[in-house]
């Protein structure tokens, strides 16, 4: 069973430890947590494994038919793209709301949550293409994206006492109903 003080996890091979580490279900070493892998098709009766980052990269490399080194490079490029997107959107939010910094950590967390949801809606093909860009190309591309963050400021939960209704316009500015957009 997984070692966790805050919640019960289903049974799995390996353990989650404190501080973002794990006891790997493959190599058995205590290392940085990489993630979870489910049993391969046809072996659904087996339990999932908690694995370290090194074993995760080995699994990715095997699955994609690339070297471990290439898998690590792709992972780094993916995170570089995500962080560049977040950085540009944070700058845009502050600029569009005439601010130099966030008013509170709650505001920053809500904007980050919104920006992550936006990133997850970007088509996979675009995200993969963005991973091939250098930092300057990423920032230029993300600055050109049409995403209005001005309306977000007035809809942040930490500032508002009224709830957003399912049929209200989404505060992200998409023009869709909340239930069809960010309320999913």
N, C-alpha and C. Protein backbone atom coordinates (compact mmCIF):
# COMPACT_ATOMS: atom_id res chain seq x y z
N UNK A 1 0.85 -1.19 0.00
CA UNK A 1 0.00 0.00 0.00
C UNK A 1 0.88 1.24 0.00
N UNK A 2 0.42 2.31 -0.58
CA UNK A 2 1.18 3.54 -0.73
C UNK A 2 1.27 4.28 0.59
N UNK A 3 2.43 4.82 0.89
CA UNK A 3 2.64 5.61 2.10
C UNK A 3 2.20 7.04 1.84
N UNK A 4 1.08 7.44 2.44
CA UNK A 4 0.59 8.80 2.24
C UNK A 4 -0.22 9.22 3.45
N UNK A 5 0.06 10.41 3.95
CA UNK A 5 -0.65 10.90 5.12
C UNK A 5 -1.95 11.60 4.76
N UNK A 6 -2.06 12.15 3.53
CA UNK A 6 -3.19 12.99 3.21
C UNK A 6 -4.35 12.27 2.54
N UNK A 7 -4.13 11.15 1.88
CA UNK A 7 -5.23 10.46 1.21
C UNK A 7 -4.86 9.01 0.99
N UNK A 8 -5.88 8.19 0.77
CA UNK A 8 -5.66 6.77 0.50
C UNK A 8 -5.50 6.57 -1.00
N UNK A 9 -4.48 5.87 -1.37
CA UNK A 9 -4.22 5.56 -2.77
C UNK A 9 -4.61 4.11 -2.99
N UNK A 10 -5.02 3.77 -4.22
CA UNK A 10 -5.27 2.36 -4.51
C UNK A 10 -3.97 1.58 -4.43
N UNK A 11 -4.09 0.28 -4.28
CA UNK A 11 -2.90 -0.55 -4.18
C UNK A 11 -2.08 -0.45 -5.46
N UNK A 12 -0.78 -0.35 -5.33
CA UNK A 12 0.10 -0.27 -6.48
C UNK A 12 1.49 -0.75 -6.08
N UNK A 13 2.31 -1.07 -7.08
CA UNK A 13 3.70 -1.44 -6.84
C UNK A 13 4.50 -0.15 -6.70
N UNK A 14 5.32 -0.06 -5.68
CA UNK A 14 6.09 1.15 -5.40
C UNK A 14 5.37 1.99 -4.36
N UNK A 15 6.05 3.03 -3.90
CA UNK A 15 5.47 3.90 -2.88
C UNK A 15 5.75 5.35 -3.20
N UNK A 16 4.81 6.22 -2.84
CA UNK A 16 5.05 7.65 -2.92
C UNK A 16 5.61 8.09 -1.58
N UNK A 17 6.71 8.78 -1.62
CA UNK A 17 7.36 9.25 -0.40
C UNK A 17 7.20 10.76 -0.30
N UNK A 18 7.58 11.32 0.81
CA UNK A 18 7.51 12.77 0.99
C UNK A 18 8.53 13.47 0.10
N UNK A 19 8.27 14.73 -0.20
CA UNK A 19 9.23 15.57 -0.93
C UNK A 19 9.32 15.27 -2.41
N UNK A 20 8.26 14.73 -3.02
CA UNK A 20 8.28 14.48 -4.45
C UNK A 20 9.12 13.29 -4.86
N UNK A 21 9.34 12.38 -3.95
CA UNK A 21 10.13 11.20 -4.25
C UNK A 21 9.27 9.95 -4.20
N UNK A 22 9.83 8.86 -4.68
CA UNK A 22 9.13 7.59 -4.65
C UNK A 22 10.11 6.46 -4.41
N UNK A 23 9.54 5.33 -4.05
CA UNK A 23 10.29 4.08 -4.07
C UNK A 23 9.78 3.39 -5.31
N UNK A 24 10.62 3.32 -6.32
CA UNK A 24 10.22 2.89 -7.66
C UNK A 24 9.72 1.45 -7.69
N UNK A 25 8.62 1.22 -8.38
CA UNK A 25 8.05 -0.11 -8.55
C UNK A 25 8.79 -0.94 -9.58
N UNK A 26 9.77 -0.34 -10.27
CA UNK A 26 10.56 -1.10 -11.25
C UNK A 26 11.97 -1.35 -10.71
N UNK A 27 12.70 -0.27 -10.40
CA UNK A 27 14.09 -0.45 -9.95
C UNK A 27 14.21 -0.57 -8.43
N UNK A 28 13.17 -0.18 -7.69
CA UNK A 28 13.17 -0.30 -6.23
C UNK A 28 13.95 0.77 -5.51
N UNK A 29 14.57 1.71 -6.24
CA UNK A 29 15.37 2.76 -5.61
C UNK A 29 14.48 3.92 -5.19
N UNK A 30 14.96 4.70 -4.23
CA UNK A 30 14.26 5.90 -3.79
C UNK A 30 14.81 7.07 -4.59
N UNK A 31 13.97 7.59 -5.48
CA UNK A 31 14.38 8.67 -6.38
C UNK A 31 13.24 9.64 -6.58
N UNK A 32 13.46 10.63 -7.45
CA UNK A 32 12.44 11.60 -7.81
C UNK A 32 11.28 10.89 -8.52
N UNK A 33 10.04 11.19 -8.08
CA UNK A 33 8.85 10.57 -8.64
C UNK A 33 8.71 10.93 -10.12
N UNK A 34 8.49 9.92 -10.95
CA UNK A 34 8.29 10.14 -12.37
C UNK A 34 6.83 10.07 -12.76
N UNK A 35 6.10 9.14 -12.16
CA UNK A 35 4.69 9.01 -12.48
C UNK A 35 4.19 7.60 -12.23
N UNK A 36 3.10 7.28 -12.90
CA UNK A 36 2.45 5.99 -12.76
C UNK A 36 2.39 5.34 -14.12
N UNK A 37 2.55 4.03 -14.16
CA UNK A 37 2.30 3.30 -15.41
C UNK A 37 1.29 2.22 -15.11
N UNK A 38 0.37 2.06 -16.04
CA UNK A 38 -0.64 1.03 -15.92
C UNK A 38 -0.14 -0.24 -16.59
N UNK A 39 -0.68 -1.38 -16.19
CA UNK A 39 -0.28 -2.64 -16.83
C UNK A 39 -0.55 -2.59 -18.34
N UNK A 40 0.23 -3.31 -19.09
CA UNK A 40 0.06 -3.35 -20.54
C UNK A 40 -1.23 -4.08 -20.89
N UNK A 41 -1.80 -3.81 -22.06
CA UNK A 41 -3.03 -4.48 -22.47
C UNK A 41 -2.87 -6.00 -22.38
N UNK A 42 -3.92 -6.64 -21.87
CA UNK A 42 -3.88 -8.09 -21.68
C UNK A 42 -3.42 -8.48 -20.28
N UNK A 43 -2.91 -7.50 -19.53
CA UNK A 43 -2.44 -7.77 -18.16
C UNK A 43 -3.16 -6.85 -17.17
N UNK A 44 -4.44 -6.55 -17.45
CA UNK A 44 -5.20 -5.62 -16.63
C UNK A 44 -5.39 -6.09 -15.20
N UNK A 45 -5.18 -7.37 -14.96
CA UNK A 45 -5.34 -7.88 -13.60
C UNK A 45 -4.16 -7.48 -12.71
N UNK A 46 -3.08 -6.98 -13.29
CA UNK A 46 -1.93 -6.52 -12.52
C UNK A 46 -2.20 -5.11 -12.01
N UNK A 47 -1.50 -4.70 -10.99
CA UNK A 47 -1.72 -3.37 -10.42
C UNK A 47 -0.75 -2.35 -11.04
N UNK A 48 -1.13 -1.05 -11.04
CA UNK A 48 -0.25 -0.03 -11.60
C UNK A 48 1.06 0.08 -10.81
N UNK A 49 2.06 0.66 -11.44
CA UNK A 49 3.36 0.86 -10.79
C UNK A 49 3.63 2.35 -10.63
N UNK A 50 4.17 2.70 -9.49
CA UNK A 50 4.70 4.04 -9.23
C UNK A 50 6.17 3.96 -9.61
N UNK A 51 6.60 4.85 -10.52
CA UNK A 51 7.98 4.72 -10.98
C UNK A 51 8.74 6.04 -10.89
N UNK A 52 10.06 5.93 -10.79
CA UNK A 52 10.93 7.09 -10.69
C UNK A 52 11.09 7.74 -12.07
N UNK A 53 11.65 8.92 -12.08
CA UNK A 53 11.83 9.66 -13.33
C UNK A 53 12.74 8.92 -14.31
N UNK A 54 13.77 8.25 -13.78
CA UNK A 54 14.68 7.51 -14.66
C UNK A 54 13.97 6.36 -15.36
N UNK A 55 13.18 5.61 -14.61
CA UNK A 55 12.43 4.50 -15.21
C UNK A 55 11.34 5.02 -16.15
N UNK A 56 10.75 6.17 -15.80
CA UNK A 56 9.74 6.77 -16.68
C UNK A 56 10.35 7.11 -18.03
N UNK A 57 11.55 7.70 -18.02
CA UNK A 57 12.21 8.05 -19.27
C UNK A 57 12.56 6.81 -20.08
N UNK A 58 12.95 5.74 -19.39
CA UNK A 58 13.22 4.47 -20.09
C UNK A 58 11.96 3.95 -20.77
N UNK A 59 10.82 4.03 -20.07
CA UNK A 59 9.54 3.56 -20.62
C UNK A 59 9.14 4.40 -21.83
N UNK A 60 9.28 5.72 -21.73
CA UNK A 60 8.94 6.62 -22.84
C UNK A 60 9.83 6.30 -24.05
N UNK A 61 11.13 6.13 -23.80
CA UNK A 61 12.07 5.83 -24.88
C UNK A 61 11.71 4.52 -25.57
N UNK A 62 11.40 3.50 -24.79
CA UNK A 62 11.02 2.20 -25.37
C UNK A 62 9.74 2.33 -26.21
N UNK A 63 8.76 3.01 -25.67
CA UNK A 63 7.47 3.15 -26.35
C UNK A 63 7.60 3.90 -27.67
N UNK A 64 8.45 4.95 -27.68
CA UNK A 64 8.59 5.77 -28.89
C UNK A 64 9.73 5.33 -29.80
N UNK A 65 10.49 4.32 -29.36
CA UNK A 65 11.59 3.83 -30.18
C UNK A 65 12.73 4.82 -30.31
N UNK A 66 12.99 5.55 -29.24
CA UNK A 66 14.08 6.54 -29.23
C UNK A 66 15.01 6.24 -28.06
N UNK A 67 16.12 6.94 -28.02
CA UNK A 67 17.05 6.74 -26.92
C UNK A 67 16.55 7.44 -25.66
N UNK A 68 17.07 7.02 -24.52
CA UNK A 68 16.71 7.66 -23.26
C UNK A 68 17.13 9.13 -23.28
N UNK A 69 18.28 9.39 -23.87
CA UNK A 69 18.78 10.76 -23.97
C UNK A 69 17.82 11.63 -24.78
N UNK A 70 17.31 11.10 -25.89
CA UNK A 70 16.35 11.84 -26.71
C UNK A 70 15.04 12.04 -25.95
N UNK A 71 14.61 11.04 -25.19
CA UNK A 71 13.38 11.17 -24.39
C UNK A 71 13.54 12.30 -23.36
N UNK A 72 14.71 12.39 -22.74
CA UNK A 72 14.97 13.47 -21.77
C UNK A 72 14.98 14.83 -22.46
N UNK A 73 15.56 14.90 -23.68
CA UNK A 73 15.58 16.16 -24.43
C UNK A 73 14.16 16.61 -24.75
N UNK A 74 13.32 15.66 -25.21
CA UNK A 74 11.94 15.99 -25.55
C UNK A 74 11.16 16.44 -24.31
N UNK A 75 11.42 15.79 -23.19
CA UNK A 75 10.75 16.18 -21.94
C UNK A 75 11.13 17.60 -21.55
N UNK A 76 12.42 17.91 -21.67
CA UNK A 76 12.88 19.26 -21.34
C UNK A 76 12.25 20.30 -22.27
N UNK A 77 12.21 19.99 -23.58
CA UNK A 77 11.59 20.93 -24.53
C UNK A 77 10.11 21.12 -24.23
N UNK A 78 9.43 20.04 -23.81
CA UNK A 78 8.02 20.15 -23.47
C UNK A 78 7.83 21.09 -22.29
N UNK A 79 8.64 20.92 -21.24
CA UNK A 79 8.53 21.80 -20.08
C UNK A 79 8.93 23.23 -20.42
N UNK A 80 9.93 23.41 -21.28
CA UNK A 80 10.31 24.75 -21.71
C UNK A 80 9.14 25.46 -22.38
N UNK A 81 8.40 24.73 -23.23
CA UNK A 81 7.25 25.31 -23.92
C UNK A 81 6.15 25.68 -22.91
N UNK A 82 5.88 24.80 -21.97
CA UNK A 82 4.85 25.07 -20.96
C UNK A 82 5.22 26.30 -20.13
N UNK A 83 6.45 26.35 -19.68
CA UNK A 83 6.88 27.48 -18.83
C UNK A 83 6.89 28.79 -19.61
N UNK A 84 7.29 28.75 -20.88
CA UNK A 84 7.26 29.97 -21.71
C UNK A 84 5.83 30.45 -21.87
N UNK A 85 4.89 29.54 -22.10
CA UNK A 85 3.48 29.90 -22.24
C UNK A 85 2.98 30.55 -20.95
N UNK A 86 3.28 29.93 -19.82
CA UNK A 86 2.85 30.48 -18.53
C UNK A 86 3.44 31.87 -18.30
N UNK A 87 4.71 32.03 -18.59
CA UNK A 87 5.38 33.31 -18.38
C UNK A 87 4.75 34.42 -19.23
N UNK A 88 4.52 34.12 -20.50
CA UNK A 88 3.92 35.11 -21.40
C UNK A 88 2.50 35.45 -20.95
N UNK A 89 1.73 34.45 -20.55
CA UNK A 89 0.35 34.70 -20.11
C UNK A 89 0.32 35.48 -18.79
N UNK A 90 1.25 35.21 -17.89
CA UNK A 90 1.34 35.99 -16.64
C UNK A 90 1.63 37.46 -16.98
N UNK A 91 2.62 37.68 -17.85
CA UNK A 91 2.96 39.05 -18.24
C UNK A 91 1.76 39.74 -18.88
N UNK A 92 1.05 39.02 -19.76
CA UNK A 92 -0.11 39.60 -20.44
C UNK A 92 -1.21 39.92 -19.43
N UNK A 93 -1.47 39.02 -18.50
CA UNK A 93 -2.50 39.27 -17.49
C UNK A 93 -2.18 40.53 -16.69
N UNK A 94 -0.94 40.65 -16.24
CA UNK A 94 -0.56 41.82 -15.44
C UNK A 94 -0.67 43.09 -16.28
N UNK A 95 -0.20 43.06 -17.52
CA UNK A 95 -0.26 44.23 -18.38
C UNK A 95 -1.70 44.63 -18.68
N UNK A 96 -2.55 43.65 -19.04
CA UNK A 96 -3.93 43.95 -19.39
C UNK A 96 -4.74 44.45 -18.19
N UNK A 97 -4.27 44.15 -16.99
CA UNK A 97 -4.96 44.61 -15.78
C UNK A 97 -4.21 45.75 -15.09
N UNK A 98 -3.27 46.37 -15.82
CA UNK A 98 -2.51 47.52 -15.31
C UNK A 98 -1.89 47.25 -13.94
N UNK A 99 -1.20 46.12 -13.83
CA UNK A 99 -0.55 45.72 -12.58
C UNK A 99 0.92 45.45 -12.84
N UNK A 100 1.71 45.63 -11.81
CA UNK A 100 3.11 45.25 -11.89
C UNK A 100 3.36 43.89 -11.24
N UNK A 101 2.46 43.51 -10.32
CA UNK A 101 2.58 42.22 -9.65
C UNK A 101 1.19 41.77 -9.20
N UNK A 102 1.11 40.51 -8.82
CA UNK A 102 -0.16 39.97 -8.34
C UNK A 102 -0.46 40.54 -6.96
N UNK A 103 -1.76 40.71 -6.68
CA UNK A 103 -2.18 41.25 -5.39
C UNK A 103 -1.99 40.24 -4.26
N UNK A 104 -2.07 38.96 -4.59
CA UNK A 104 -1.94 37.92 -3.56
C UNK A 104 -1.52 36.61 -4.20
N UNK A 105 -1.13 35.67 -3.38
CA UNK A 105 -0.78 34.34 -3.87
C UNK A 105 -2.02 33.64 -4.41
N UNK A 106 -3.18 33.94 -3.83
CA UNK A 106 -4.43 33.34 -4.32
C UNK A 106 -4.70 33.79 -5.76
N UNK A 107 -4.50 35.07 -6.03
CA UNK A 107 -4.69 35.57 -7.38
C UNK A 107 -3.73 34.88 -8.34
N UNK A 108 -2.46 34.78 -7.97
CA UNK A 108 -1.46 34.14 -8.83
C UNK A 108 -1.83 32.68 -9.08
N UNK A 109 -2.29 31.98 -8.06
CA UNK A 109 -2.67 30.57 -8.22
C UNK A 109 -3.86 30.41 -9.14
N UNK A 110 -4.84 31.29 -9.04
CA UNK A 110 -6.01 31.19 -9.91
C UNK A 110 -5.66 31.52 -11.35
N UNK A 111 -4.80 32.50 -11.55
CA UNK A 111 -4.36 32.81 -12.92
C UNK A 111 -3.57 31.63 -13.48
N UNK A 112 -2.70 31.05 -12.67
CA UNK A 112 -1.94 29.89 -13.11
C UNK A 112 -2.87 28.73 -13.48
N UNK A 113 -3.89 28.50 -12.67
CA UNK A 113 -4.85 27.44 -12.96
C UNK A 113 -5.55 27.70 -14.30
N UNK A 114 -5.96 28.94 -14.51
CA UNK A 114 -6.61 29.32 -15.77
C UNK A 114 -5.67 29.12 -16.95
N UNK A 115 -4.43 29.56 -16.81
CA UNK A 115 -3.44 29.45 -17.89
C UNK A 115 -3.16 27.98 -18.20
N UNK A 116 -3.08 27.14 -17.18
CA UNK A 116 -2.86 25.70 -17.41
C UNK A 116 -4.03 25.09 -18.17
N UNK A 117 -5.25 25.49 -17.82
CA UNK A 117 -6.41 24.98 -18.55
C UNK A 117 -6.35 25.42 -20.01
N UNK A 118 -5.93 26.66 -20.24
CA UNK A 118 -5.78 27.16 -21.62
C UNK A 118 -4.75 26.32 -22.37
N UNK A 119 -3.61 26.05 -21.75
CA UNK A 119 -2.56 25.26 -22.39
C UNK A 119 -3.08 23.86 -22.74
N UNK A 120 -3.85 23.27 -21.84
CA UNK A 120 -4.36 21.92 -22.10
C UNK A 120 -5.39 21.89 -23.22
N UNK A 121 -5.93 23.04 -23.60
CA UNK A 121 -6.89 23.12 -24.71
C UNK A 121 -6.19 23.39 -26.04
N UNK A 122 -4.92 23.74 -26.00
CA UNK A 122 -4.17 23.97 -27.23
C UNK A 122 -4.05 22.62 -27.94
N UNK A 123 -4.32 22.56 -29.25
CA UNK A 123 -4.23 21.28 -29.96
C UNK A 123 -2.86 20.63 -29.79
N UNK A 124 -2.87 19.31 -29.66
CA UNK A 124 -1.65 18.54 -29.43
C UNK A 124 -0.60 18.82 -30.51
N UNK A 125 -1.05 18.95 -31.75
CA UNK A 125 -0.12 19.20 -32.85
C UNK A 125 0.63 20.51 -32.64
N UNK A 126 -0.09 21.55 -32.19
CA UNK A 126 0.54 22.85 -31.94
C UNK A 126 1.54 22.74 -30.79
N UNK A 127 1.15 22.04 -29.71
CA UNK A 127 2.06 21.89 -28.57
C UNK A 127 3.34 21.17 -28.99
N UNK A 128 3.18 20.11 -29.80
CA UNK A 128 4.36 19.37 -30.27
C UNK A 128 5.23 20.24 -31.17
N UNK A 129 4.60 21.05 -32.02
CA UNK A 129 5.36 21.96 -32.89
C UNK A 129 6.09 22.99 -32.03
N UNK A 130 5.42 23.52 -31.00
CA UNK A 130 6.03 24.52 -30.13
C UNK A 130 7.27 23.97 -29.43
N UNK A 131 7.28 22.68 -29.18
CA UNK A 131 8.42 22.06 -28.51
C UNK A 131 9.69 22.10 -29.36
N UNK A 132 9.56 22.38 -30.66
CA UNK A 132 10.74 22.45 -31.53
C UNK A 132 11.30 23.87 -31.59
N UNK A 133 10.58 24.86 -31.05
CA UNK A 133 11.01 26.26 -31.11
C UNK A 133 12.03 26.56 -30.02
N UNK A 134 12.88 27.57 -30.28
CA UNK A 134 13.74 28.05 -29.21
C UNK A 134 12.94 29.05 -28.36
N UNK A 135 13.52 29.51 -27.27
CA UNK A 135 12.80 30.35 -26.31
C UNK A 135 12.22 31.61 -26.95
N UNK A 136 12.99 32.28 -27.81
CA UNK A 136 12.52 33.51 -28.44
C UNK A 136 11.33 33.24 -29.36
N UNK A 137 11.42 32.14 -30.14
CA UNK A 137 10.30 31.78 -31.02
C UNK A 137 9.05 31.44 -30.21
N UNK A 138 9.24 30.74 -29.09
CA UNK A 138 8.11 30.39 -28.23
C UNK A 138 7.42 31.65 -27.72
N UNK A 139 8.21 32.56 -27.16
CA UNK A 139 7.63 33.78 -26.60
C UNK A 139 6.92 34.60 -27.67
N UNK A 140 7.52 34.73 -28.86
CA UNK A 140 6.89 35.48 -29.94
C UNK A 140 5.57 34.81 -30.35
N UNK A 141 5.58 33.51 -30.50
CA UNK A 141 4.38 32.78 -30.89
C UNK A 141 3.28 32.93 -29.85
N UNK A 142 3.63 32.79 -28.58
CA UNK A 142 2.63 32.86 -27.52
C UNK A 142 2.09 34.29 -27.35
N UNK A 143 2.92 35.29 -27.62
CA UNK A 143 2.43 36.68 -27.54
C UNK A 143 1.40 36.97 -28.63
N UNK A 144 1.50 36.26 -29.74
CA UNK A 144 0.58 36.48 -30.86
C UNK A 144 -0.74 35.74 -30.70
N UNK A 145 -0.83 34.84 -29.73
CA UNK A 145 -2.07 34.10 -29.52
C UNK A 145 -3.19 35.04 -29.10
N UNK A 146 -4.39 34.80 -29.58
CA UNK A 146 -5.54 35.61 -29.24
C UNK A 146 -6.17 35.03 -27.96
N UNK A 147 -5.85 35.64 -26.84
CA UNK A 147 -6.38 35.21 -25.56
C UNK A 147 -6.52 36.45 -24.69
N UNK A 148 -7.77 36.81 -24.37
CA UNK A 148 -8.04 38.02 -23.61
C UNK A 148 -8.11 37.68 -22.13
N UNK A 149 -7.17 38.18 -21.35
CA UNK A 149 -7.10 37.90 -19.92
C UNK A 149 -7.68 39.01 -19.06
N UNK A 150 -8.17 40.09 -19.69
CA UNK A 150 -8.72 41.21 -18.90
C UNK A 150 -9.93 40.80 -18.09
N UNK A 151 -10.79 39.97 -18.67
CA UNK A 151 -12.01 39.58 -17.97
C UNK A 151 -11.73 38.64 -16.81
N UNK A 152 -10.59 38.01 -16.83
CA UNK A 152 -10.25 37.06 -15.76
C UNK A 152 -10.15 37.75 -14.41
N UNK A 153 -9.60 38.95 -14.37
CA UNK A 153 -9.39 39.66 -13.11
C UNK A 153 -10.68 39.83 -12.32
N UNK A 154 -11.76 40.16 -13.00
CA UNK A 154 -13.02 40.39 -12.29
C UNK A 154 -13.72 39.11 -11.88
N UNK A 155 -13.27 37.97 -12.40
CA UNK A 155 -13.97 36.72 -12.10
C UNK A 155 -13.21 35.81 -11.14
N UNK A 156 -12.07 36.26 -10.64
CA UNK A 156 -11.30 35.40 -9.74
C UNK A 156 -12.09 35.13 -8.47
N UNK A 157 -12.07 33.88 -8.04
CA UNK A 157 -12.87 33.46 -6.89
C UNK A 157 -12.47 34.18 -5.61
N UNK A 158 -11.21 34.48 -5.44
CA UNK A 158 -10.79 35.08 -4.18
C UNK A 158 -11.34 36.50 -4.03
N UNK A 159 -11.76 37.13 -5.15
CA UNK A 159 -12.30 38.49 -5.10
C UNK A 159 -13.81 38.52 -5.11
N UNK A 160 -14.43 37.46 -5.61
CA UNK A 160 -15.87 37.49 -5.84
C UNK A 160 -16.62 36.68 -4.79
N UNK A 161 -17.75 37.19 -4.42
CA UNK A 161 -18.58 36.45 -3.49
C UNK A 161 -19.69 35.71 -4.22
N UNK A 162 -19.96 36.09 -5.47
CA UNK A 162 -21.02 35.43 -6.23
C UNK A 162 -20.42 34.32 -7.07
N UNK A 163 -21.13 33.23 -7.15
CA UNK A 163 -20.69 32.09 -7.95
C UNK A 163 -21.05 32.33 -9.41
N UNK A 164 -20.30 31.73 -10.29
CA UNK A 164 -20.58 31.80 -11.72
C UNK A 164 -21.61 30.71 -12.00
N UNK A 165 -22.70 31.06 -12.63
CA UNK A 165 -23.73 30.09 -12.98
C UNK A 165 -23.32 29.26 -14.18
N UNK A 166 -23.87 28.06 -14.28
CA UNK A 166 -23.53 27.17 -15.40
C UNK A 166 -23.84 27.80 -16.75
N UNK A 167 -24.90 28.59 -16.82
CA UNK A 167 -25.31 29.18 -18.09
C UNK A 167 -24.81 30.61 -18.30
N UNK A 168 -24.02 31.12 -17.33
CA UNK A 168 -23.43 32.46 -17.48
C UNK A 168 -22.31 32.41 -18.51
N UNK A 169 -22.01 33.55 -19.14
CA UNK A 169 -20.87 33.57 -20.06
C UNK A 169 -19.59 33.23 -19.30
N UNK A 170 -18.72 32.47 -19.94
CA UNK A 170 -17.48 32.07 -19.29
C UNK A 170 -16.59 33.29 -19.06
N UNK A 171 -16.00 33.42 -17.87
CA UNK A 171 -15.15 34.57 -17.57
C UNK A 171 -13.84 34.61 -18.36
N UNK A 172 -13.51 33.53 -19.07
CA UNK A 172 -12.26 33.53 -19.85
C UNK A 172 -12.39 34.36 -21.11
N UNK A 173 -13.63 34.77 -21.45
CA UNK A 173 -13.81 35.61 -22.62
C UNK A 173 -14.04 34.85 -23.91
N UNK A 174 -14.25 33.53 -23.82
CA UNK A 174 -14.44 32.72 -25.02
C UNK A 174 -15.77 32.98 -25.72
N UNK A 175 -16.75 33.50 -24.96
CA UNK A 175 -18.08 33.71 -25.51
C UNK A 175 -18.99 32.51 -25.31
N UNK A 176 -18.44 31.39 -24.83
CA UNK A 176 -19.23 30.19 -24.55
C UNK A 176 -19.84 30.27 -23.16
N UNK A 177 -20.84 29.43 -22.93
CA UNK A 177 -21.38 29.32 -21.58
C UNK A 177 -20.31 28.67 -20.70
N UNK A 178 -20.33 29.04 -19.42
CA UNK A 178 -19.34 28.52 -18.48
C UNK A 178 -19.32 26.99 -18.47
N UNK A 179 -20.50 26.34 -18.54
CA UNK A 179 -20.57 24.88 -18.47
C UNK A 179 -19.94 24.22 -19.70
N UNK A 180 -19.84 24.94 -20.81
CA UNK A 180 -19.26 24.39 -22.03
C UNK A 180 -17.78 24.72 -22.16
N UNK A 181 -17.27 25.55 -21.25
CA UNK A 181 -15.88 26.01 -21.39
C UNK A 181 -15.08 25.63 -20.15
N UNK A 182 -14.78 26.60 -19.29
CA UNK A 182 -13.94 26.36 -18.11
C UNK A 182 -14.66 25.57 -17.03
N UNK A 183 -15.98 25.49 -17.08
CA UNK A 183 -16.74 24.78 -16.05
C UNK A 183 -16.84 23.29 -16.29
N UNK A 184 -16.18 22.80 -17.35
CA UNK A 184 -16.24 21.36 -17.64
C UNK A 184 -15.56 20.56 -16.57
